[in-house]
Amino acid sequence: MNRIRLTIFGLLVLALAFGAFISCSGDDDDDQSQESPSDDDTTTDDDATDDDTAADDDTIADDDTVIDDDTDQTPTLITVSGNAFAFPNYERIVGAEISILEFPDKTTTTVEDGYFEFDDLPAGEQATFVIDADGFVVTQTKTFTLPEEDLERVTFQVPDNITYLGLELALGIVPSRQKCQIVTTVTMVGRSIYDEGAHG
């Protein structure tokens, strides 16, 4: 009789243990089910991150647009013109090469009346004009800050080599190409170098 009771008791314990196992397994399934929304949340977070990234991209695109707008603002382009004169006989120097120190890719040649012209120079930039002609000393102008409107009558008055040598001997100096040398032309009141006989 005791054996029967022990057997029945053992079966009940096994049944309870098996039921507990089933219950635990069900709990795991429930836990997994509960974790699924978490996965969905993760996906949603990724989507939000993608949206944020997209928003950042838009911001970058906006920044790029601003930069592009700045880049698209082209400077005002002007024309600079003038003439080359010989000293002291007032003759015009034809066939001289005119260049710009700040724009080494831009050169031109004086034509009739020693006239020269440069197009498409950006306003606001600096420009120093240089003349190089056979029989004359290489000479440059002052440095201009280019205005918003065309610049006219940028002139050279250059001594020929013989006159230059004569001035060296008369003044007892040895010119230095490395030093700045300032030369000016004096004209009659109300007249300019373009008025023959008005300068000296």
N, C-alpha and C. Protein backbone atom coordinates (compact mmCIF):
# COMPACT_ATOMS: atom_id res chain seq x y z
N MET A 1 0.83 -1.19 0.00
CA MET A 1 0.00 0.00 0.00
C MET A 1 0.88 1.26 0.00
N ASN A 2 1.93 1.15 0.80
CA ASN A 2 2.85 2.29 0.83
C ASN A 2 3.52 2.50 -0.52
N ARG A 3 3.82 1.42 -1.18
CA ARG A 3 4.43 1.53 -2.51
C ARG A 3 3.49 2.24 -3.48
N ILE A 4 2.23 1.87 -3.39
CA ILE A 4 1.25 2.49 -4.29
C ILE A 4 1.21 3.99 -4.02
N ARG A 5 1.20 4.34 -2.72
CA ARG A 5 1.16 5.75 -2.38
C ARG A 5 2.40 6.49 -2.89
N LEU A 6 3.56 5.84 -2.72
CA LEU A 6 4.80 6.45 -3.21
C LEU A 6 4.78 6.60 -4.72
N THR A 7 4.23 5.59 -5.38
CA THR A 7 4.17 5.65 -6.85
C THR A 7 3.28 6.81 -7.29
N ILE A 8 2.11 6.90 -6.65
CA ILE A 8 1.17 7.97 -7.00
C ILE A 8 1.80 9.33 -6.69
N PHE A 9 2.49 9.41 -5.53
CA PHE A 9 3.15 10.65 -5.15
C PHE A 9 4.22 11.04 -6.16
N GLY A 10 4.98 10.03 -6.60
CA GLY A 10 6.03 10.28 -7.59
C GLY A 10 5.46 10.77 -8.90
N LEU A 11 4.33 10.17 -9.31
CA LEU A 11 3.69 10.59 -10.56
C LEU A 11 3.19 12.03 -10.47
N LEU A 12 2.62 12.35 -9.26
CA LEU A 12 2.15 13.72 -9.08
C LEU A 12 3.32 14.71 -9.16
N VAL A 13 4.47 14.36 -8.56
CA VAL A 13 5.64 15.24 -8.62
C VAL A 13 6.11 15.43 -10.05
N LEU A 14 6.15 14.31 -10.79
CA LEU A 14 6.56 14.40 -12.20
C LEU A 14 5.60 15.27 -13.00
N ALA A 15 4.28 15.08 -12.71
CA ALA A 15 3.28 15.86 -13.44
C ALA A 15 3.46 17.34 -13.14
N LEU A 16 3.66 17.66 -11.85
CA LEU A 16 3.86 19.06 -11.49
C LEU A 16 5.13 19.64 -12.12
N ALA A 17 6.18 18.83 -12.12
CA ALA A 17 7.44 19.29 -12.73
C ALA A 17 7.27 19.51 -14.21
N PHE A 18 6.58 18.60 -14.88
CA PHE A 18 6.35 18.72 -16.33
C PHE A 18 5.51 19.97 -16.62
N GLY A 19 4.46 20.18 -15.74
CA GLY A 19 3.64 21.38 -15.90
C GLY A 19 4.44 22.65 -15.73
N ALA A 20 5.34 22.62 -14.76
CA ALA A 20 6.19 23.79 -14.55
C ALA A 20 7.09 24.02 -15.74
N PHE A 21 7.60 22.96 -16.34
CA PHE A 21 8.45 23.08 -17.53
C PHE A 21 7.69 23.71 -18.67
N ILE A 22 6.44 23.18 -18.86
CA ILE A 22 5.60 23.75 -19.92
C ILE A 22 5.34 25.22 -19.65
N SER A 23 5.05 25.55 -18.39
CA SER A 23 4.79 26.93 -18.04
C SER A 23 6.00 27.82 -18.31
N CYS A 24 7.18 27.31 -17.97
CA CYS A 24 8.39 28.09 -18.23
C CYS A 24 8.61 28.29 -19.71
N SER A 25 8.37 27.23 -20.46
CA SER A 25 8.52 27.36 -21.92
C SER A 25 7.55 28.39 -22.45
N GLY A 26 6.34 28.39 -21.93
CA GLY A 26 5.37 29.38 -22.37
C GLY A 26 5.80 30.79 -21.99
N ASP A 27 6.40 30.89 -20.80
CA ASP A 27 6.87 32.20 -20.37
C ASP A 27 7.94 32.73 -21.31
N ASP A 28 8.84 31.82 -21.78
CA ASP A 28 9.88 32.25 -22.72
C ASP A 28 9.26 32.77 -23.99
N ASP A 29 8.21 32.04 -24.44
CA ASP A 29 7.53 32.50 -25.67
C ASP A 29 6.92 33.86 -25.45
N ASP A 30 6.32 34.00 -24.23
CA ASP A 30 5.71 35.30 -23.94
C ASP A 30 6.76 36.39 -23.90
N ASP A 31 7.92 36.03 -23.29
CA ASP A 31 8.99 37.01 -23.22
C ASP A 31 9.43 37.42 -24.60
N GLN A 32 9.54 36.42 -25.49
CA GLN A 32 9.96 36.73 -26.87
C GLN A 32 8.92 37.61 -27.55
N SER A 33 7.65 37.31 -27.25
CA SER A 33 6.59 38.12 -27.84
C SER A 33 6.68 39.55 -27.33
N GLN A 34 7.02 39.64 -26.03
CA GLN A 34 7.13 40.98 -25.48
C GLN A 34 8.35 41.70 -26.03
N GLU A 35 9.38 40.95 -26.42
CA GLU A 35 10.59 41.58 -26.95
C GLU A 35 10.41 42.04 -28.40
N SER A 36 9.44 41.48 -29.08
CA SER A 36 9.23 41.82 -30.48
C SER A 36 8.96 43.31 -30.66
N PRO A 37 8.07 43.87 -29.83
CA PRO A 37 7.89 45.32 -29.98
C PRO A 37 9.19 46.08 -29.80
N SER A 38 10.06 45.55 -28.92
CA SER A 38 11.35 46.21 -28.73
C SER A 38 12.13 46.23 -30.02
N ASP A 39 12.07 45.09 -30.76
CA ASP A 39 12.74 45.05 -32.06
C ASP A 39 12.13 46.08 -32.99
N ASP A 40 10.79 46.16 -32.93
CA ASP A 40 10.11 47.15 -33.77
C ASP A 40 10.58 48.56 -33.39
N ASP A 41 10.72 48.74 -32.07
CA ASP A 41 11.19 50.04 -31.61
C ASP A 41 12.57 50.34 -32.16
N THR A 42 13.40 49.31 -32.18
CA THR A 42 14.75 49.50 -32.72
C THR A 42 14.68 49.91 -34.18
N THR A 43 13.79 49.23 -34.91
CA THR A 43 13.62 49.59 -36.32
C THR A 43 13.15 51.03 -36.45
N THR A 44 12.23 51.40 -35.57
CA THR A 44 11.72 52.77 -35.60
C THR A 44 12.84 53.76 -35.31
N ASP A 45 13.71 53.38 -34.33
CA ASP A 45 14.84 54.25 -34.01
C ASP A 45 15.75 54.40 -35.21
N ASP A 46 15.98 53.26 -35.92
CA ASP A 46 16.81 53.33 -37.12
C ASP A 46 16.20 54.26 -38.14
N ASP A 47 14.86 54.09 -38.27
CA ASP A 47 14.17 54.97 -39.22
C ASP A 47 14.34 56.42 -38.80
N ALA A 48 14.21 56.65 -37.50
CA ALA A 48 14.37 58.02 -37.01
C ALA A 48 15.78 58.51 -37.28
N THR A 49 16.75 57.59 -37.08
CA THR A 49 18.14 57.96 -37.34
C THR A 49 18.33 58.30 -38.81
N ASP A 50 17.70 57.49 -39.67
CA ASP A 50 17.79 57.77 -41.10
C ASP A 50 17.19 59.13 -41.41
N ASP A 51 16.04 59.40 -40.72
CA ASP A 51 15.40 60.70 -40.94
C ASP A 51 16.32 61.82 -40.49
N ASP A 52 16.93 61.58 -39.29
CA ASP A 52 17.86 62.61 -38.79
C ASP A 52 19.00 62.82 -39.76
N THR A 53 19.51 61.67 -40.27
CA THR A 53 20.61 61.77 -41.24
C THR A 53 20.16 62.55 -42.47
N ALA A 54 18.95 62.22 -42.90
CA ALA A 54 18.42 62.93 -44.07
C ALA A 54 18.31 64.41 -43.77
N ALA A 55 17.84 64.70 -42.52
CA ALA A 55 17.74 66.11 -42.16
C ALA A 55 19.10 66.77 -42.17
N ASP A 56 20.11 66.02 -41.64
CA ASP A 56 21.47 66.56 -41.65
C ASP A 56 21.93 66.79 -43.07
N ASP A 57 21.60 65.81 -43.96
CA ASP A 57 21.98 65.97 -45.36
C ASP A 57 21.36 67.22 -45.96
N ASP A 58 20.09 67.43 -45.56
CA ASP A 58 19.42 68.63 -46.07
C ASP A 58 20.14 69.88 -45.59
N THR A 59 20.56 69.81 -44.32
CA THR A 59 21.27 70.96 -43.77
C THR A 59 22.56 71.20 -44.53
N ILE A 60 23.28 70.09 -44.81
CA ILE A 60 24.53 70.20 -45.57
C ILE A 60 24.23 70.75 -46.96
N ALA A 61 23.14 70.23 -47.53
CA ALA A 61 22.79 70.70 -48.87
C ALA A 61 22.50 72.20 -48.84
N ASP A 62 21.79 72.62 -47.73
CA ASP A 62 21.50 74.05 -47.61
C ASP A 62 22.78 74.84 -47.49
N ASP A 63 23.72 74.31 -46.67
CA ASP A 63 25.01 74.99 -46.53
C ASP A 63 25.73 75.08 -47.86
N ASP A 64 25.69 73.94 -48.61
CA ASP A 64 26.34 73.94 -49.92
C ASP A 64 25.71 74.97 -50.83
N THR A 65 24.38 75.08 -50.71
CA THR A 65 23.69 76.04 -51.56
C THR A 65 24.16 77.46 -51.26
N VAL A 66 24.33 77.74 -49.97
CA VAL A 66 24.81 79.07 -49.58
C VAL A 66 26.20 79.32 -50.15
N ILE A 67 27.06 78.28 -50.04
CA ILE A 67 28.42 78.41 -50.57
C ILE A 67 28.38 78.61 -52.08
N ASP A 68 27.50 77.83 -52.73
CA ASP A 68 27.40 77.96 -54.18
C ASP A 68 26.92 79.36 -54.56
N ASP A 69 25.97 79.88 -53.73
CA ASP A 69 25.47 81.22 -54.02
C ASP A 69 26.61 82.24 -53.94
N ASP A 70 27.47 82.06 -52.90
CA ASP A 70 28.60 82.98 -52.76
C ASP A 70 29.56 82.84 -53.93
N THR A 71 29.76 81.58 -54.35
CA THR A 71 30.69 81.33 -55.45
C THR A 71 30.18 81.94 -56.75
N ASP A 72 28.84 81.94 -56.89
CA ASP A 72 28.26 82.43 -58.13
C ASP A 72 28.35 83.95 -58.26
N GLN A 73 28.70 84.63 -57.17
CA GLN A 73 28.78 86.09 -57.23
C GLN A 73 30.08 86.49 -57.90
N THR A 74 30.00 86.77 -59.19
CA THR A 74 31.18 87.13 -59.96
C THR A 74 31.53 88.59 -59.73
N PRO A 75 32.83 88.91 -59.65
CA PRO A 75 33.22 90.30 -59.42
C PRO A 75 32.95 91.16 -60.65
N THR A 76 32.86 92.45 -60.43
CA THR A 76 32.70 93.38 -61.55
C THR A 76 34.00 93.39 -62.36
N LEU A 77 33.87 93.25 -63.66
CA LEU A 77 35.04 93.25 -64.54
C LEU A 77 35.12 94.59 -65.26
N ILE A 78 36.32 95.13 -65.29
CA ILE A 78 36.51 96.46 -65.90
C ILE A 78 37.59 96.39 -66.98
N THR A 79 37.68 97.50 -67.73
CA THR A 79 38.72 97.66 -68.76
C THR A 79 39.69 98.75 -68.30
N VAL A 80 40.97 98.47 -68.44
CA VAL A 80 42.00 99.46 -68.13
C VAL A 80 42.73 99.80 -69.43
N SER A 81 42.91 101.08 -69.68
CA SER A 81 43.59 101.50 -70.92
C SER A 81 44.51 102.68 -70.64
N GLY A 82 45.43 102.91 -71.56
CA GLY A 82 46.36 104.02 -71.40
C GLY A 82 47.31 104.12 -72.59
N ASN A 83 48.38 104.89 -72.40
CA ASN A 83 49.35 105.11 -73.47
C ASN A 83 50.77 105.11 -72.92
N ALA A 84 51.71 104.81 -73.81
CA ALA A 84 53.13 104.84 -73.45
C ALA A 84 53.82 105.98 -74.19
N PHE A 85 54.48 106.84 -73.41
CA PHE A 85 55.19 108.00 -73.97
C PHE A 85 56.70 107.83 -73.76
N ALA A 86 57.48 108.33 -74.71
CA ALA A 86 58.94 108.36 -74.56
C ALA A 86 59.34 109.68 -73.91
N PHE A 87 60.40 109.61 -73.12
CA PHE A 87 60.95 110.84 -72.51
C PHE A 87 62.34 111.08 -73.11
N PRO A 88 62.67 112.30 -73.52
CA PRO A 88 61.92 113.54 -73.30
C PRO A 88 61.20 114.04 -74.54
N ASN A 89 61.15 113.25 -75.62
CA ASN A 89 60.66 113.82 -76.88
C ASN A 89 59.15 113.64 -77.10
N TYR A 90 58.46 113.05 -76.13
CA TYR A 90 57.01 112.96 -76.18
C TYR A 90 56.48 112.02 -77.27
N GLU A 91 57.35 111.26 -77.92
CA GLU A 91 56.87 110.31 -78.92
C GLU A 91 56.13 109.15 -78.25
N ARG A 92 55.19 108.56 -78.98
CA ARG A 92 54.46 107.40 -78.45
C ARG A 92 55.29 106.13 -78.73
N ILE A 93 55.30 105.24 -77.79
CA ILE A 93 56.08 103.99 -77.94
C ILE A 93 55.15 102.90 -78.47
N VAL A 94 55.45 102.46 -79.68
CA VAL A 94 54.63 101.42 -80.34
C VAL A 94 55.37 100.09 -80.27
N GLY A 95 54.61 99.01 -80.08
CA GLY A 95 55.20 97.67 -80.06
C GLY A 95 55.80 97.26 -78.74
N ALA A 96 55.51 98.01 -77.68
CA ALA A 96 56.02 97.67 -76.35
C ALA A 96 55.11 96.61 -75.71
N GLU A 97 55.70 95.74 -74.93
CA GLU A 97 54.90 94.74 -74.20
C GLU A 97 54.49 95.33 -72.85
N ILE A 98 53.20 95.26 -72.58
CA ILE A 98 52.67 95.72 -71.30
C ILE A 98 52.16 94.48 -70.55
N SER A 99 52.58 94.35 -69.31
CA SER A 99 52.14 93.22 -68.48
C SER A 99 51.65 93.75 -67.14
N ILE A 100 51.12 92.84 -66.32
CA ILE A 100 50.62 93.20 -64.99
C ILE A 100 51.27 92.27 -63.97
N LEU A 101 51.95 92.85 -63.00
CA LEU A 101 52.66 92.03 -62.01
C LEU A 101 51.73 91.04 -61.31
N GLU A 102 50.54 91.50 -60.94
CA GLU A 102 49.62 90.66 -60.18
C GLU A 102 48.85 89.67 -61.05
N PHE A 103 48.89 89.85 -62.36
CA PHE A 103 48.21 88.95 -63.30
C PHE A 103 49.19 88.54 -64.40
N PRO A 104 50.15 87.68 -64.09
CA PRO A 104 51.22 87.37 -65.04
C PRO A 104 50.75 86.73 -66.35
N ASP A 105 49.55 86.21 -66.36
CA ASP A 105 49.04 85.60 -67.60
C ASP A 105 48.44 86.64 -68.56
N LYS A 106 48.35 87.88 -68.10
CA LYS A 106 47.76 88.93 -68.95
C LYS A 106 48.86 89.84 -69.50
N THR A 107 48.96 89.88 -70.82
CA THR A 107 49.90 90.80 -71.48
C THR A 107 49.23 91.36 -72.73
N THR A 108 49.73 92.50 -73.15
CA THR A 108 49.25 93.10 -74.39
C THR A 108 50.39 93.91 -75.00
N THR A 109 50.18 94.42 -76.21
CA THR A 109 51.21 95.18 -76.91
C THR A 109 50.66 96.54 -77.31
N THR A 110 51.46 97.57 -77.13
CA THR A 110 51.00 98.91 -77.52
C THR A 110 50.88 99.01 -79.04
N VAL A 111 49.85 99.69 -79.46
CA VAL A 111 49.60 99.86 -80.90
C VAL A 111 49.85 101.33 -81.26
N GLU A 112 49.22 101.78 -82.32
CA GLU A 112 49.40 103.17 -82.77
C GLU A 112 49.09 104.14 -81.62
N ASP A 113 49.89 105.18 -81.55
CA ASP A 113 49.78 106.17 -80.48
C ASP A 113 50.15 105.59 -79.11
N GLY A 114 50.84 104.45 -79.11
CA GLY A 114 51.28 103.85 -77.85
C GLY A 114 50.14 103.36 -76.98
N TYR A 115 48.99 103.13 -77.60
CA TYR A 115 47.79 102.76 -76.85
C TYR A 115 47.82 101.29 -76.45
N PHE A 116 47.34 101.01 -75.22
CA PHE A 116 47.17 99.61 -74.78
C PHE A 116 45.87 99.49 -74.00
N GLU A 117 45.39 98.27 -73.90
CA GLU A 117 44.11 98.04 -73.22
C GLU A 117 44.06 96.63 -72.65
N PHE A 118 43.52 96.52 -71.45
CA PHE A 118 43.27 95.22 -70.81
C PHE A 118 41.78 95.12 -70.50
N ASP A 119 41.18 94.01 -70.90
CA ASP A 119 39.77 93.77 -70.59
C ASP A 119 39.65 92.75 -69.46
N ASP A 120 38.47 92.73 -68.85
CA ASP A 120 38.09 91.70 -67.87
C ASP A 120 39.03 91.64 -66.66
N LEU A 121 39.38 92.79 -66.13
CA LEU A 121 40.14 92.83 -64.88
C LEU A 121 39.16 93.01 -63.71
N PRO A 122 39.33 92.25 -62.63
CA PRO A 122 38.37 92.29 -61.53
C PRO A 122 38.51 93.53 -60.65
N ALA A 123 37.41 94.25 -60.49
CA ALA A 123 37.41 95.43 -59.62
C ALA A 123 37.77 95.02 -58.19
N GLY A 124 38.48 95.92 -57.50
CA GLY A 124 38.86 95.65 -56.13
C GLY A 124 40.23 95.00 -55.98
N GLU A 125 40.76 94.43 -57.07
CA GLU A 125 42.08 93.81 -57.02
C GLU A 125 43.16 94.86 -57.28
N GLN A 126 44.39 94.52 -56.92
CA GLN A 126 45.51 95.42 -57.18
C GLN A 126 46.16 95.09 -58.52
N ALA A 127 46.69 96.11 -59.17
CA ALA A 127 47.33 95.91 -60.47
C ALA A 127 48.47 96.91 -60.65
N THR A 128 49.65 96.38 -60.97
CA THR A 128 50.83 97.20 -61.26
C THR A 128 51.24 96.92 -62.69
N PHE A 129 51.24 97.93 -63.55
CA PHE A 129 51.49 97.75 -64.97
C PHE A 129 52.97 97.96 -65.28
N VAL A 130 53.50 97.11 -66.16
CA VAL A 130 54.93 97.13 -66.50
C VAL A 130 55.09 97.26 -68.00
N ILE A 131 56.03 98.11 -68.44
CA ILE A 131 56.32 98.26 -69.86
C ILE A 131 57.74 97.77 -70.14
N ASP A 132 57.85 97.01 -71.22
CA ASP A 132 59.15 96.49 -71.66
C ASP A 132 59.24 96.73 -73.16
N ALA A 133 60.12 97.68 -73.56
CA ALA A 133 60.23 98.05 -74.97
C ALA A 133 61.69 98.12 -75.38
N ASP A 134 61.99 97.75 -76.62
CA ASP A 134 63.36 97.82 -77.11
C ASP A 134 63.86 99.26 -77.06
N GLY A 135 65.07 99.43 -76.51
CA GLY A 135 65.68 100.75 -76.46
C GLY A 135 65.26 101.58 -75.26
N PHE A 136 64.43 101.00 -74.37
CA PHE A 136 63.94 101.74 -73.21
C PHE A 136 64.17 100.93 -71.92
N VAL A 137 64.22 101.64 -70.84
CA VAL A 137 64.36 100.99 -69.53
C VAL A 137 63.01 100.39 -69.12
N VAL A 138 63.06 99.16 -68.60
CA VAL A 138 61.83 98.54 -68.09
C VAL A 138 61.30 99.39 -66.94
N THR A 139 60.02 99.76 -67.03
CA THR A 139 59.43 100.70 -66.08
C THR A 139 58.06 100.20 -65.65
N GLN A 140 57.68 100.51 -64.43
CA GLN A 140 56.35 100.12 -63.98
C GLN A 140 55.62 101.32 -63.38
N THR A 141 54.30 101.21 -63.36
CA THR A 141 53.46 102.26 -62.78
C THR A 141 53.37 102.05 -61.27
N LYS A 142 52.65 102.93 -60.63
CA LYS A 142 52.28 102.69 -59.23
C LYS A 142 51.32 101.50 -59.20
N THR A 143 51.03 101.01 -58.02
CA THR A 143 50.06 99.92 -57.86
C THR A 143 48.67 100.52 -57.68
N PHE A 144 47.78 100.17 -58.60
CA PHE A 144 46.40 100.66 -58.55
C PHE A 144 45.51 99.67 -57.82
N THR A 145 44.53 100.16 -57.09
CA THR A 145 43.41 99.33 -56.65
C THR A 145 42.31 99.57 -57.68
N LEU A 146 41.97 98.55 -58.43
CA LEU A 146 41.07 98.72 -59.57
C LEU A 146 39.68 99.14 -59.11
N PRO A 147 39.15 100.23 -59.69
CA PRO A 147 37.84 100.75 -59.28
C PRO A 147 36.69 99.92 -59.87
N GLU A 148 35.48 100.32 -59.54
CA GLU A 148 34.29 99.61 -60.04
C GLU A 148 33.98 99.99 -61.49
N GLU A 149 34.56 101.09 -61.96
CA GLU A 149 34.33 101.53 -63.34
C GLU A 149 35.64 101.47 -64.12
N ASP A 150 35.54 101.51 -65.44
CA ASP A 150 36.73 101.43 -66.30
C ASP A 150 37.76 102.49 -65.92
N LEU A 151 39.02 102.10 -66.01
CA LEU A 151 40.13 103.01 -65.66
C LEU A 151 40.84 103.41 -66.95
N GLU A 152 40.91 104.72 -67.21
CA GLU A 152 41.52 105.22 -68.44
C GLU A 152 42.76 106.07 -68.13
N ARG A 153 43.55 106.27 -69.17
CA ARG A 153 44.74 107.12 -69.09
C ARG A 153 45.76 106.66 -68.04
N VAL A 154 45.97 105.36 -68.00
CA VAL A 154 47.10 104.84 -67.22
C VAL A 154 48.32 105.01 -68.11
N THR A 155 49.24 105.91 -67.76
CA THR A 155 50.30 106.28 -68.69
C THR A 155 51.70 105.92 -68.20
N PHE A 156 52.55 105.69 -69.17
CA PHE A 156 53.99 105.55 -68.95
C PHE A 156 54.69 106.71 -69.64
N GLN A 157 55.72 107.26 -69.01
CA GLN A 157 56.64 108.17 -69.69
C GLN A 157 58.04 107.64 -69.38
N VAL A 158 58.64 106.99 -70.39
CA VAL A 158 59.85 106.20 -70.16
C VAL A 158 61.05 106.80 -70.88
N PRO A 159 62.16 107.00 -70.17
CA PRO A 159 63.38 107.48 -70.85
C PRO A 159 64.01 106.37 -71.67
N ASP A 160 64.54 106.74 -72.83
CA ASP A 160 65.27 105.72 -73.61
C ASP A 160 66.60 105.44 -72.91
N ASN A 161 67.30 104.40 -73.38
CA ASN A 161 68.52 103.97 -72.69
C ASN A 161 69.59 105.06 -72.64
N ILE A 162 69.73 105.82 -73.73
CA ILE A 162 70.76 106.87 -73.77
C ILE A 162 70.45 107.97 -72.76
N THR A 163 69.18 108.39 -72.72
CA THR A 163 68.77 109.41 -71.76
C THR A 163 68.96 108.91 -70.33
N TYR A 164 68.64 107.67 -70.11
CA TYR A 164 68.76 107.07 -68.78
C TYR A 164 70.22 107.07 -68.32
N LEU A 165 71.13 106.68 -69.25
CA LEU A 165 72.56 106.67 -68.93
C LEU A 165 73.04 108.09 -68.63
N GLY A 166 72.57 109.05 -69.42
CA GLY A 166 72.95 110.46 -69.21
C GLY A 166 72.52 110.95 -67.83
N LEU A 167 71.33 110.55 -67.40
CA LEU A 167 70.85 110.95 -66.09
C LEU A 167 71.69 110.31 -64.98
N GLU A 168 72.10 109.05 -65.18
CA GLU A 168 72.97 108.38 -64.21
C GLU A 168 74.27 109.18 -64.01
N LEU A 169 74.89 109.55 -65.16
CA LEU A 169 76.18 110.26 -65.10
C LEU A 169 76.01 111.65 -64.51
N ALA A 170 74.96 112.34 -64.91
CA ALA A 170 74.73 113.71 -64.44
C ALA A 170 74.47 113.74 -62.94
N LEU A 171 73.75 112.75 -62.42
CA LEU A 171 73.40 112.73 -61.01
C LEU A 171 74.42 111.97 -60.16
N GLY A 172 75.33 111.24 -60.83
CA GLY A 172 76.35 110.50 -60.11
C GLY A 172 75.79 109.38 -59.26
N ILE A 173 74.82 108.67 -59.80
CA ILE A 173 74.21 107.58 -59.04
C ILE A 173 74.33 106.26 -59.81
N VAL A 174 74.17 105.17 -59.08
CA VAL A 174 74.10 103.85 -59.68
C VAL A 174 72.70 103.30 -59.39
N PRO A 175 71.83 103.29 -60.37
CA PRO A 175 70.45 102.83 -60.14
C PRO A 175 70.41 101.38 -59.66
N SER A 176 69.45 101.09 -58.79
CA SER A 176 69.25 99.73 -58.29
C SER A 176 67.89 99.24 -58.72
N ARG A 177 67.85 98.10 -59.42
CA ARG A 177 66.58 97.53 -59.87
C ARG A 177 65.78 96.97 -58.69
N GLN A 178 66.45 96.70 -57.57
CA GLN A 178 65.77 96.08 -56.43
C GLN A 178 65.08 97.11 -55.54
N LYS A 179 65.33 98.39 -55.77
CA LYS A 179 64.73 99.42 -54.93
C LYS A 179 63.65 100.17 -55.68
N CYS A 180 62.66 100.61 -54.92
CA CYS A 180 61.58 101.38 -55.53
C CYS A 180 62.07 102.77 -55.89
N GLN A 181 61.79 103.19 -57.13
CA GLN A 181 62.19 104.51 -57.59
C GLN A 181 60.95 105.23 -58.11
N ILE A 182 60.72 106.41 -57.62
CA ILE A 182 59.51 107.15 -57.97
C ILE A 182 59.85 108.25 -58.97
N VAL A 183 59.10 108.29 -60.03
CA VAL A 183 59.29 109.32 -61.05
C VAL A 183 57.94 109.97 -61.32
N THR A 184 57.93 111.26 -61.51
CA THR A 184 56.68 111.94 -61.81
C THR A 184 56.90 112.92 -62.96
N THR A 185 55.80 113.30 -63.58
CA THR A 185 55.84 114.29 -64.67
C THR A 185 55.12 115.55 -64.22
N VAL A 186 55.74 116.67 -64.40
CA VAL A 186 55.12 117.95 -64.06
C VAL A 186 54.46 118.52 -65.30
N THR A 187 53.22 118.96 -65.16
CA THR A 187 52.51 119.56 -66.30
C THR A 187 51.97 120.93 -65.91
N MET A 188 51.62 121.67 -66.93
CA MET A 188 51.02 122.99 -66.69
C MET A 188 49.65 122.81 -66.02
N VAL A 189 49.28 123.81 -65.24
CA VAL A 189 48.00 123.76 -64.55
C VAL A 189 46.86 123.61 -65.55
N GLY A 190 45.98 122.66 -65.29
CA GLY A 190 44.83 122.46 -66.15
C GLY A 190 45.12 121.63 -67.38
N ARG A 191 46.36 121.16 -67.53
CA ARG A 191 46.71 120.36 -68.71
C ARG A 191 47.32 119.04 -68.25
N SER A 192 47.52 118.12 -69.19
CA SER A 192 48.04 116.80 -68.82
C SER A 192 49.12 116.37 -69.80
N ILE A 193 49.65 115.21 -69.55
CA ILE A 193 50.68 114.66 -70.43
C ILE A 193 50.16 114.46 -71.85
N TYR A 194 48.84 114.39 -71.98
CA TYR A 194 48.24 114.23 -73.31
C TYR A 194 48.22 115.52 -74.12
N ASP A 195 48.52 116.61 -73.44
CA ASP A 195 48.60 117.90 -74.13
C ASP A 195 50.05 118.16 -74.50
N GLU A 196 50.35 118.12 -75.81
CA GLU A 196 51.73 118.26 -76.28
C GLU A 196 52.35 119.58 -75.80
N GLY A 197 53.55 119.47 -75.28
CA GLY A 197 54.27 120.64 -74.81
C GLY A 197 53.88 121.09 -73.42
N ALA A 198 52.93 120.37 -72.77
CA ALA A 198 52.46 120.79 -71.46
C ALA A 198 53.17 120.08 -70.32
N HIS A 199 54.05 119.15 -70.66
CA HIS A 199 54.70 118.36 -69.61
C HIS A 199 56.22 118.54 -69.67
N GLY A 200 56.88 118.09 -68.61
CA GLY A 200 58.31 118.17 -68.60
C GLY A 200 58.92 117.14 -67.68
